[in-house]
């Protein structure tokens, strides 16, 4: 009888191991052929690894295969000797002795992925996503996105949060309204989750502090640079808060942690993409009505909608706080009650407003959050006041019957945060496989 006992160490090396080898060391490396520069008697065969590129050198009559047998995008295993070469990536190259072809492409690459920048349209990049992401700069965007998710998890674990996983198919949407994808669930009407809101509130009564990263769905007929119909939301909910500012402080802590993580572990990607990280030492906060007044006066813009922020207003608020306080982020607090969901806690000093906020990053909303109603009677009263039905919310409301602490939380749009950090103009650049009004593939 044979047994699997765990991961066995392979004789093949990854890029970080190769570049620390002394000259003359024999190594075995596996990778995809990123490009071939054939100079005649010598050829530079660049291999793409998960950590970057490594230069290998084919020399006539010194390897088992002719250069004509190698193709871009082929996956190979090579054996060779490390040589110091300051002109090569990382200052090292591998002089080839033996090449084994693991797989061959059956068609030439449709995109020049070895170029520093893909000179093609966004639609073409998205249509050929699995190929376009082989370009180093394109894939680096998603290492930055990895850092955001990693920072979110690591920071919240350290703050005593429990990670949860909630269903994405439900009987009723947490936000209400008509922007829900409806489906038949074994002949029963169902919807795709707009957020994990109800579930994470329910779990505050169990774990005190919870978080989740997962997909959410919005059936909004927006075809803009900032909207997706499926996106990834970074959500947390925390109990025993003193005010909604506790939530703002927790998000600020997450951003501070993530910026340091990027500096420490993702410096290569930051440099490759030319990213200048924002200063998150302190983030200003301003009331909704005051923010509208400030930008109206400074930029001579008439206030057209007193109950919501228009995209242009968000941009102007971002501009105002950058000019006045050199701040890339700003919390806009006390949103009007009529524009917030029924579970939002109204300001006890003026119930026209809520104890809620949005976080704007360079003039774009990336977060919505706030304090929630934790009192059962207050919650039922607000539902009735809005003329809403309790149907489909019975289990959610039962949670409050049996006692809940003061609590609040937020949801962060991962793709929007990534987009703004990258300095991109379209959120689809920060989504692996976007889903919008026109795109269901790949």
Protein backbone atom coordinates (compact mmCIF):
# COMPACT_ATOMS: atom_id res chain seq x y z
CA UNK A 1 0.00 0.00 0.00
CA UNK A 2 1.26 3.47 -0.89
CA UNK A 3 0.35 6.69 0.89
CA UNK A 4 0.34 10.40 0.16
CA UNK A 5 2.27 12.10 2.95
CA UNK A 6 2.16 15.74 1.88
CA UNK A 7 3.96 18.01 -0.54
CA UNK A 8 7.33 16.71 -1.64
CA UNK A 9 10.15 19.07 -2.49
CA UNK A 10 10.74 19.25 -6.24
CA UNK A 11 14.11 19.54 -7.88
CA UNK A 12 12.80 22.36 -10.08
CA UNK A 13 13.43 25.90 -8.86
CA UNK A 14 11.24 28.98 -8.78
CA UNK A 15 12.56 32.40 -9.79
CA UNK A 16 13.53 33.64 -6.28
CA UNK A 17 15.62 30.49 -5.81
CA UNK A 18 17.36 30.76 -9.20
CA UNK A 19 18.48 34.36 -8.77
CA UNK A 20 20.29 33.63 -5.50
CA UNK A 21 22.35 30.76 -6.98
CA UNK A 22 26.05 31.23 -7.49
CA UNK A 23 27.46 31.31 -11.00
CA UNK A 24 28.04 27.80 -12.30
CA UNK A 25 25.22 26.17 -10.36
CA UNK A 26 23.13 23.71 -12.36
CA UNK A 27 19.37 24.31 -12.10
CA UNK A 28 16.13 22.92 -13.49
CA UNK A 29 13.38 25.45 -14.26
CA UNK A 30 9.85 25.05 -15.61
CA UNK A 31 7.92 27.82 -17.29
CA UNK A 32 6.14 29.17 -20.35
CA UNK A 33 8.11 30.66 -23.23
CA UNK A 34 7.27 34.35 -23.06
CA UNK A 35 9.39 35.40 -26.02
CA UNK A 36 12.22 34.20 -28.26
CA UNK A 37 14.92 36.46 -29.65
CA UNK A 38 16.79 34.42 -32.24
CA UNK A 39 20.22 35.89 -33.05
CA UNK A 40 21.43 32.98 -35.18
CA UNK A 41 23.99 30.92 -33.30
CA UNK A 42 22.54 32.14 -30.04
CA UNK A 43 18.96 32.83 -28.92
CA UNK A 44 17.44 34.36 -25.81
CA UNK A 45 14.50 32.29 -24.61
CA UNK A 46 12.59 34.25 -21.96
CA UNK A 47 10.57 32.10 -19.58
CA UNK A 48 7.56 33.43 -17.69
CA UNK A 49 7.20 32.29 -14.11
CA UNK A 50 4.69 33.23 -11.43
CA UNK A 51 7.24 35.67 -9.97
CA UNK A 52 8.36 37.25 -13.24
CA UNK A 53 10.71 36.57 -16.15
CA UNK A 54 13.96 34.64 -16.34
CA UNK A 55 16.36 34.80 -19.25
CA UNK A 56 17.68 31.54 -20.63
CA UNK A 57 20.25 31.28 -23.43
CA UNK A 58 20.13 28.69 -26.22
CA UNK A 59 23.41 28.12 -28.03
CA UNK A 60 23.83 26.18 -31.24
CA UNK A 61 24.99 22.57 -30.79
CA UNK A 62 24.88 22.89 -26.99
CA UNK A 63 21.32 21.74 -26.33
CA UNK A 64 19.26 18.73 -27.34
CA UNK A 65 16.71 20.75 -29.36
CA UNK A 66 17.04 23.14 -32.27
CA UNK A 67 15.70 26.64 -31.72
CA UNK A 68 13.20 26.07 -34.54
CA UNK A 69 11.43 23.51 -32.35
CA UNK A 70 10.60 26.14 -29.70
CA UNK A 71 7.50 28.31 -29.91
CA UNK A 72 6.20 31.21 -27.87
CA UNK A 73 3.61 30.02 -25.31
CA UNK A 74 5.08 26.52 -25.16
CA UNK A 75 5.54 25.15 -21.64
CA UNK A 76 8.98 23.71 -21.07
CA UNK A 77 11.33 22.24 -18.50
CA UNK A 78 14.93 23.33 -18.94
CA UNK A 79 18.22 22.33 -17.37
CA UNK A 80 21.17 24.66 -17.45
CA UNK A 81 23.89 26.53 -15.63
CA UNK A 82 23.43 29.87 -13.88
CA UNK A 83 25.55 32.73 -15.16
CA UNK A 84 25.85 36.29 -13.88
CA UNK A 85 24.63 38.76 -16.49
CA UNK A 86 23.87 42.33 -15.45
CA UNK A 87 21.81 42.98 -18.59
CA UNK A 88 19.43 40.09 -17.85
CA UNK A 89 16.39 40.42 -15.59
CA UNK A 90 17.53 40.08 -11.97
CA UNK A 91 21.18 39.98 -13.10
CA UNK A 92 21.12 36.22 -13.81
CA UNK A 93 20.58 33.99 -16.82
CA UNK A 94 20.54 30.24 -17.40
CA UNK A 95 22.77 28.79 -20.14
CA UNK A 96 20.72 25.91 -21.53
CA UNK A 97 21.93 22.32 -21.71
CA UNK A 98 18.67 20.43 -22.07
CA UNK A 99 15.09 21.37 -23.01
CA UNK A 100 11.99 19.24 -22.52
CA UNK A 101 8.77 20.43 -24.16
CA UNK A 102 5.85 19.83 -21.81
CA UNK A 103 3.16 21.24 -24.11
CA UNK A 104 2.98 23.04 -27.44
CA UNK A 105 0.49 25.73 -28.55
CA UNK A 106 -1.60 24.87 -31.59
CA UNK A 107 -1.99 28.48 -32.75
CA UNK A 108 0.10 31.65 -32.59
CA UNK A 109 -0.67 34.11 -29.80
CA UNK A 110 -3.36 36.63 -30.83
CA UNK A 111 -1.76 39.39 -28.73
CA UNK A 112 1.83 40.55 -28.36
CA UNK A 113 1.95 39.76 -24.65
CA UNK A 114 5.73 40.22 -24.47
CA UNK A 115 5.39 43.96 -25.12
CA UNK A 116 5.63 46.26 -22.09
CA UNK A 117 2.16 47.62 -22.84
CA UNK A 118 -0.64 45.89 -24.69
CA UNK A 119 -1.57 48.22 -27.53
CA UNK A 120 -5.12 47.02 -27.92
CA UNK A 121 -8.60 48.04 -26.83
CA UNK A 122 -10.11 47.18 -23.47
CA UNK A 123 -12.79 45.11 -25.20
CA UNK A 124 -10.14 43.02 -26.98
CA UNK A 125 -8.26 42.51 -23.73
CA UNK A 126 -11.46 41.35 -22.04
CA UNK A 127 -12.46 39.08 -24.93
CA UNK A 128 -9.05 37.38 -24.71
CA UNK A 129 -8.65 37.68 -20.97
CA UNK A 130 -6.75 34.47 -20.30
CA UNK A 131 -4.16 35.51 -22.88
CA UNK A 132 -3.99 39.26 -22.22
CA UNK A 133 -3.31 38.64 -18.52
CA UNK A 134 -0.09 36.85 -19.45
CA UNK A 135 1.32 40.31 -20.06
CA UNK A 136 3.32 41.21 -16.96
CA UNK A 137 1.75 44.63 -16.40
CA UNK A 138 -1.77 43.32 -16.93
CA UNK A 139 -1.37 40.53 -14.40
CA UNK A 140 0.40 42.82 -11.91
CA UNK A 141 -2.90 44.67 -11.39
CA UNK A 142 -4.32 41.57 -9.81
CA UNK A 143 -1.36 41.12 -7.50
CA UNK A 144 -2.26 44.59 -6.19
CA UNK A 145 -5.85 43.38 -5.79
CA UNK A 146 -4.56 40.32 -3.96
CA UNK A 147 -2.78 42.61 -1.52
CA UNK A 148 -6.03 44.47 -0.77
CA UNK A 149 -7.89 41.22 -0.01
CA UNK A 150 -4.97 39.90 1.98
CA UNK A 151 -4.70 43.14 3.95
CA UNK A 152 -8.44 43.08 4.68
CA UNK A 153 -8.31 39.53 6.00
CA UNK A 154 -5.09 39.87 7.98
CA UNK A 155 -6.06 43.15 9.61
CA UNK A 156 -9.54 42.03 10.62
CA UNK A 157 -8.32 38.69 11.97
CA UNK A 158 -5.92 40.67 14.16
CA UNK A 159 -8.86 42.82 15.34
CA UNK A 160 -10.83 39.80 16.55
CA UNK A 161 -13.16 39.33 13.57
CA UNK A 162 -14.51 35.96 12.47
CA UNK A 163 -14.69 35.19 8.75
CA UNK A 164 -18.11 34.01 7.55
CA UNK A 165 -19.58 32.82 4.26
CA UNK A 166 -23.19 33.69 3.54
CA UNK A 167 -25.57 32.47 0.81
CA UNK A 168 -25.84 34.36 -2.46
CA UNK A 169 -29.31 33.06 -3.34
CA UNK A 170 -32.12 34.35 -1.17
CA UNK A 171 -35.82 35.10 -0.94
CA UNK A 172 -35.52 38.88 -0.58
CA UNK A 173 -32.88 41.54 -1.12
CA UNK A 174 -31.33 43.31 1.85
CA UNK A 175 -31.35 46.70 0.16
CA UNK A 176 -34.88 46.51 -1.19
CA UNK A 177 -35.84 48.16 -4.45
CA UNK A 178 -35.98 46.72 -7.94
CA UNK A 179 -32.29 46.34 -8.79
CA UNK A 180 -32.25 42.60 -8.07
CA UNK A 181 -31.60 39.67 -10.38
CA UNK A 182 -34.56 37.34 -10.05
CA UNK A 183 -34.49 33.61 -10.68
CA UNK A 184 -36.56 30.50 -10.16
CA UNK A 185 -35.29 28.35 -7.30
CA UNK A 186 -37.04 24.98 -7.70
CA UNK A 187 -40.20 26.81 -8.84
CA UNK A 188 -39.91 29.31 -5.96
CA UNK A 189 -39.07 32.98 -6.67
CA UNK A 190 -35.58 33.92 -5.51
CA UNK A 191 -33.02 36.69 -5.96
CA UNK A 192 -29.25 37.00 -6.14
CA UNK A 193 -27.82 38.74 -3.08
CA UNK A 194 -27.21 42.49 -3.32
CA UNK A 195 -25.08 42.22 -0.18
CA UNK A 196 -24.59 39.93 2.83
CA UNK A 197 -26.15 42.64 5.00
CA UNK A 198 -28.89 40.71 6.82
CA UNK A 199 -26.66 37.71 7.48
CA UNK A 200 -23.69 39.64 8.78
CA UNK A 201 -25.94 41.60 11.15
CA UNK A 202 -27.44 38.34 12.40
CA UNK A 203 -23.94 36.98 13.00
CA UNK A 204 -22.95 40.00 15.11
CA UNK A 205 -25.27 38.47 17.71
CA UNK A 206 -23.14 35.31 17.52
CA UNK A 207 -19.51 36.38 17.01
CA UNK A 208 -19.59 40.14 17.84
CA UNK A 209 -17.34 40.92 14.86
CA UNK A 210 -17.61 39.29 11.41
CA UNK A 211 -16.33 39.83 7.90
CA UNK A 212 -16.76 38.34 4.46
CA UNK A 213 -15.33 38.72 0.98
CA UNK A 214 -17.65 37.56 -1.77
CA UNK A 215 -19.67 38.43 -4.87
CA UNK A 216 -22.72 40.69 -4.81
CA UNK A 217 -25.16 41.36 -7.64
CA UNK A 218 -26.87 44.55 -8.74
CA UNK A 219 -29.34 44.54 -11.64
CA UNK A 220 -28.69 48.21 -12.34
CA UNK A 221 -28.94 49.30 -15.97
CA UNK A 222 -25.77 51.35 -15.78
CA UNK A 223 -23.24 51.13 -18.58
CA UNK A 224 -20.58 53.40 -17.12
CA UNK A 225 -16.88 53.24 -16.35
CA UNK A 226 -17.61 52.76 -12.62
CA UNK A 227 -20.39 50.15 -12.57
CA UNK A 228 -20.38 46.36 -12.66
CA UNK A 229 -23.39 44.09 -12.25
CA UNK A 230 -21.36 41.57 -10.29
CA UNK A 231 -18.54 42.74 -8.11
CA UNK A 232 -16.59 41.62 -5.06
CA UNK A 233 -17.55 43.22 -1.78
CA UNK A 234 -15.33 43.39 1.29
CA UNK A 235 -17.83 43.46 4.14
CA UNK A 236 -17.53 43.66 7.89
CA UNK A 237 -19.95 44.19 10.75
CA UNK A 238 -18.96 44.91 14.35
CA UNK A 239 -20.90 44.98 17.59
CA UNK A 240 -20.66 47.04 20.77
CA UNK A 241 -19.75 50.23 18.95
CA UNK A 242 -19.97 53.68 20.53
CA UNK A 243 -20.74 55.45 17.25
CA UNK A 244 -20.46 55.06 13.49
CA UNK A 245 -16.99 56.63 13.75
CA UNK A 246 -15.78 53.31 15.22
CA UNK A 247 -16.45 51.83 11.79
CA UNK A 248 -14.63 54.66 10.01
CA UNK A 249 -11.66 54.11 12.33
CA UNK A 250 -11.62 50.37 11.58
CA UNK A 251 -11.62 51.02 7.84
CA UNK A 252 -8.84 53.58 8.24
CA UNK A 253 -6.83 50.98 10.15
CA UNK A 254 -7.36 48.46 7.35
CA UNK A 255 -6.18 50.98 4.76
CA UNK A 256 -3.10 51.84 6.81
CA UNK A 257 -2.24 48.15 7.21
CA UNK A 258 -2.75 47.44 3.51
CA UNK A 259 -0.60 50.35 2.36
CA UNK A 260 2.27 49.07 4.51
CA UNK A 261 1.71 45.54 3.18
CA UNK A 262 1.94 46.85 -0.38
CA UNK A 263 5.19 48.63 0.41
CA UNK A 264 6.66 45.53 2.03
CA UNK A 265 5.56 42.65 -0.20
CA UNK A 266 4.41 44.20 -3.48
CA UNK A 267 7.12 46.77 -4.23
CA UNK A 268 7.88 45.08 -7.57
CA UNK A 269 4.29 45.48 -8.78
CA UNK A 270 4.05 49.05 -7.46
CA UNK A 271 7.16 49.99 -9.42
CA UNK A 272 6.04 48.14 -12.55
CA UNK A 273 2.68 49.93 -12.57
CA UNK A 274 4.05 53.30 -11.47
CA UNK A 275 1.72 53.49 -8.47
CA UNK A 276 2.09 56.29 -5.95
CA UNK A 277 0.45 55.13 -2.73
CA UNK A 278 -1.96 57.51 -0.98
CA UNK A 279 -1.32 58.93 2.48
CA UNK A 280 -3.76 57.31 4.90
CA UNK A 281 -2.24 58.57 8.15
CA UNK A 282 -5.45 60.51 8.74
CA UNK A 283 -8.68 60.81 6.75
CA UNK A 284 -10.98 63.85 7.04
CA UNK A 285 -14.71 63.44 7.52
CA UNK A 286 -17.46 65.91 6.65
CA UNK A 287 -21.25 65.92 6.83
CA UNK A 288 -23.14 65.24 3.61
CA UNK A 289 -24.92 68.62 3.56
CA UNK A 290 -21.72 70.48 4.42
CA UNK A 291 -19.80 68.68 1.64
CA UNK A 292 -22.40 69.75 -0.90
CA UNK A 293 -22.24 73.32 0.35
CA UNK A 294 -18.44 73.48 0.24
CA UNK A 295 -18.12 72.32 -3.37
CA UNK A 296 -21.10 74.40 -4.46
CA UNK A 297 -19.45 77.55 -3.15
CA UNK A 298 -15.89 76.82 -4.26
CA UNK A 299 -16.68 75.55 -7.75
CA UNK A 300 -19.81 77.63 -8.37
CA UNK A 301 -21.98 74.55 -8.90
CA UNK A 302 -25.68 74.66 -8.17
CA UNK A 303 -27.02 71.96 -5.80
CA UNK A 304 -29.52 70.06 -7.93
CA UNK A 305 -30.21 67.00 -5.76
CA UNK A 306 -30.29 67.67 -2.00
CA UNK A 307 -30.69 63.98 -1.12
CA UNK A 308 -27.85 62.29 -2.99
CA UNK A 309 -24.41 62.90 -4.46
CA UNK A 310 -24.11 63.02 -8.22
CA UNK A 311 -20.92 61.58 -9.78
CA UNK A 312 -19.70 65.09 -10.61
CA UNK A 313 -20.23 66.16 -6.99
CA UNK A 314 -18.23 63.17 -5.73
CA UNK A 315 -15.39 64.18 -8.04
CA UNK A 316 -15.54 67.77 -6.83
CA UNK A 317 -15.57 66.69 -3.18
CA UNK A 318 -12.47 64.62 -3.87
CA UNK A 319 -10.89 67.60 -5.62
CA UNK A 320 -11.81 69.95 -2.76
CA UNK A 321 -10.22 67.80 -0.05
CA UNK A 322 -7.14 67.15 -2.16
CA UNK A 323 -6.65 70.89 -2.69
CA UNK A 324 -7.49 71.96 0.87
CA UNK A 325 -6.05 69.08 2.92
CA UNK A 326 -3.93 67.04 0.47
CA UNK A 327 -6.27 64.12 1.24
CA UNK A 328 -7.00 61.36 -1.27
CA UNK A 329 -9.75 59.91 0.94
CA UNK A 330 -12.69 61.59 2.65
CA UNK A 331 -15.58 60.20 4.71
CA UNK A 332 -18.89 61.86 3.81
CA UNK A 333 -21.21 61.29 6.78
CA UNK A 334 -24.89 61.74 7.72
CA UNK A 335 -26.54 60.77 4.44
CA UNK A 336 -30.25 61.62 4.14
CA UNK A 337 -32.50 58.94 5.61
CA UNK A 338 -34.66 58.67 2.50
CA UNK A 339 -31.60 57.54 0.50
CA UNK A 340 -30.46 54.90 2.97
CA UNK A 341 -31.89 51.40 3.63
CA UNK A 342 -34.44 50.84 6.40
CA UNK A 343 -31.84 49.30 8.74
CA UNK A 344 -29.74 52.52 8.82
CA UNK A 345 -29.78 54.26 12.22
CA UNK A 346 -31.33 57.72 12.01
CA UNK A 347 -29.51 60.59 13.68
CA UNK A 348 -31.29 61.08 17.04
CA UNK A 349 -30.68 64.83 16.73
CA UNK A 350 -32.26 65.07 13.25
CA UNK A 351 -34.04 62.04 11.81
CA UNK A 352 -33.83 63.44 8.30
CA UNK A 353 -30.24 62.17 8.33
CA UNK A 354 -28.60 58.86 9.24
CA UNK A 355 -25.51 57.84 11.15
CA UNK A 356 -24.04 56.52 7.93
CA UNK A 357 -21.24 57.41 5.54
CA UNK A 358 -19.56 56.85 2.20
CA UNK A 359 -15.81 56.80 1.77
CA UNK A 360 -14.65 58.58 -1.36
CA UNK A 361 -11.24 57.80 -2.84
CA UNK A 362 -10.04 60.34 -5.39
CA UNK A 363 -13.61 61.43 -5.97
CA UNK A 364 -15.21 58.00 -6.30
CA UNK A 365 -17.37 56.22 -3.74
CA UNK A 366 -15.66 52.96 -2.76
CA UNK A 367 -17.42 52.26 0.56
CA UNK A 368 -20.88 52.56 2.06
CA UNK A 369 -21.37 51.96 5.76
CA UNK A 370 -22.82 53.17 9.00
CA UNK A 371 -24.50 52.35 12.28
CA UNK A 372 -27.50 50.01 12.11
CA UNK A 373 -30.73 49.97 14.10
CA UNK A 374 -30.33 47.37 16.85
CA UNK A 375 -33.67 47.88 18.64
CA UNK A 376 -36.49 45.60 17.42
CA UNK A 377 -39.33 48.06 17.95
CA UNK A 378 -37.42 50.88 16.25
CA UNK A 379 -36.67 48.65 13.28
CA UNK A 380 -40.31 47.52 12.90
CA UNK A 381 -41.48 51.13 13.22
CA UNK A 382 -39.15 52.27 10.43
CA UNK A 383 -40.25 49.43 8.15
CA UNK A 384 -43.88 50.40 8.69
CA UNK A 385 -43.14 54.08 8.25
CA UNK A 386 -41.68 53.31 4.83
CA UNK A 387 -44.71 51.26 3.84
CA UNK A 388 -42.58 48.11 3.47
CA UNK A 389 -43.72 44.54 4.04
CA UNK A 390 -41.99 42.27 6.55
CA UNK A 391 -42.44 39.32 4.19
CA UNK A 392 -39.14 37.54 3.64
CA UNK A 393 -37.53 39.32 6.60
CA UNK A 394 -39.09 37.31 9.43
CA UNK A 395 -35.90 35.48 10.45
CA UNK A 396 -33.89 38.67 10.21
CA UNK A 397 -36.34 40.53 12.46
CA UNK A 398 -36.50 37.61 14.92
CA UNK A 399 -32.79 38.17 15.55
CA UNK A 400 -33.58 41.60 17.01
CA UNK A 401 -36.44 40.27 19.12
CA UNK A 402 -33.91 38.30 21.10
CA UNK A 403 -31.46 41.13 21.69
CA UNK A 404 -28.71 42.70 19.63
CA UNK A 405 -25.81 45.01 20.60
CA UNK A 406 -25.25 48.45 19.07
CA UNK A 407 -23.50 47.64 15.82
CA UNK A 408 -22.55 48.80 12.36
CA UNK A 409 -20.47 47.91 9.38
CA UNK A 410 -19.62 48.58 5.79
CA UNK A 411 -19.10 47.19 2.31
CA UNK A 412 -16.08 48.08 0.17
CA UNK A 413 -16.13 47.63 -3.61
CA UNK A 414 -12.92 45.71 -4.28
CA UNK A 415 -12.75 46.55 -7.97
CA UNK A 416 -13.37 50.25 -7.41
CA UNK A 417 -10.72 50.44 -4.72
CA UNK A 418 -8.26 48.62 -6.99
CA UNK A 419 -9.17 50.86 -9.93
CA UNK A 420 -8.48 54.03 -7.99
CA UNK A 421 -5.26 52.68 -6.53
CA UNK A 422 -4.07 51.78 -10.03
CA UNK A 423 -5.15 55.13 -11.44
CA UNK A 424 -7.32 53.48 -14.11
CA UNK A 425 -10.32 55.10 -15.77
CA UNK A 426 -12.49 51.99 -16.07
CA UNK A 427 -13.44 49.56 -13.33
CA UNK A 428 -13.28 46.67 -15.82
CA UNK A 429 -9.49 47.04 -15.83
CA UNK A 430 -9.61 45.90 -12.19
CA UNK A 431 -11.91 42.92 -12.71
CA UNK A 432 -10.66 39.54 -13.91
CA UNK A 433 -13.84 38.63 -15.79
CA UNK A 434 -16.27 41.58 -15.73
CA UNK A 435 -20.02 41.15 -15.73
CA UNK A 436 -21.89 44.17 -17.00
CA UNK A 437 -24.99 44.81 -19.09
CA UNK A 438 -23.34 43.48 -22.24
CA UNK A 439 -20.83 40.93 -21.02
CA UNK A 440 -21.41 37.37 -19.82
CA UNK A 441 -18.26 35.86 -21.33
CA UNK A 442 -15.56 34.78 -20.91
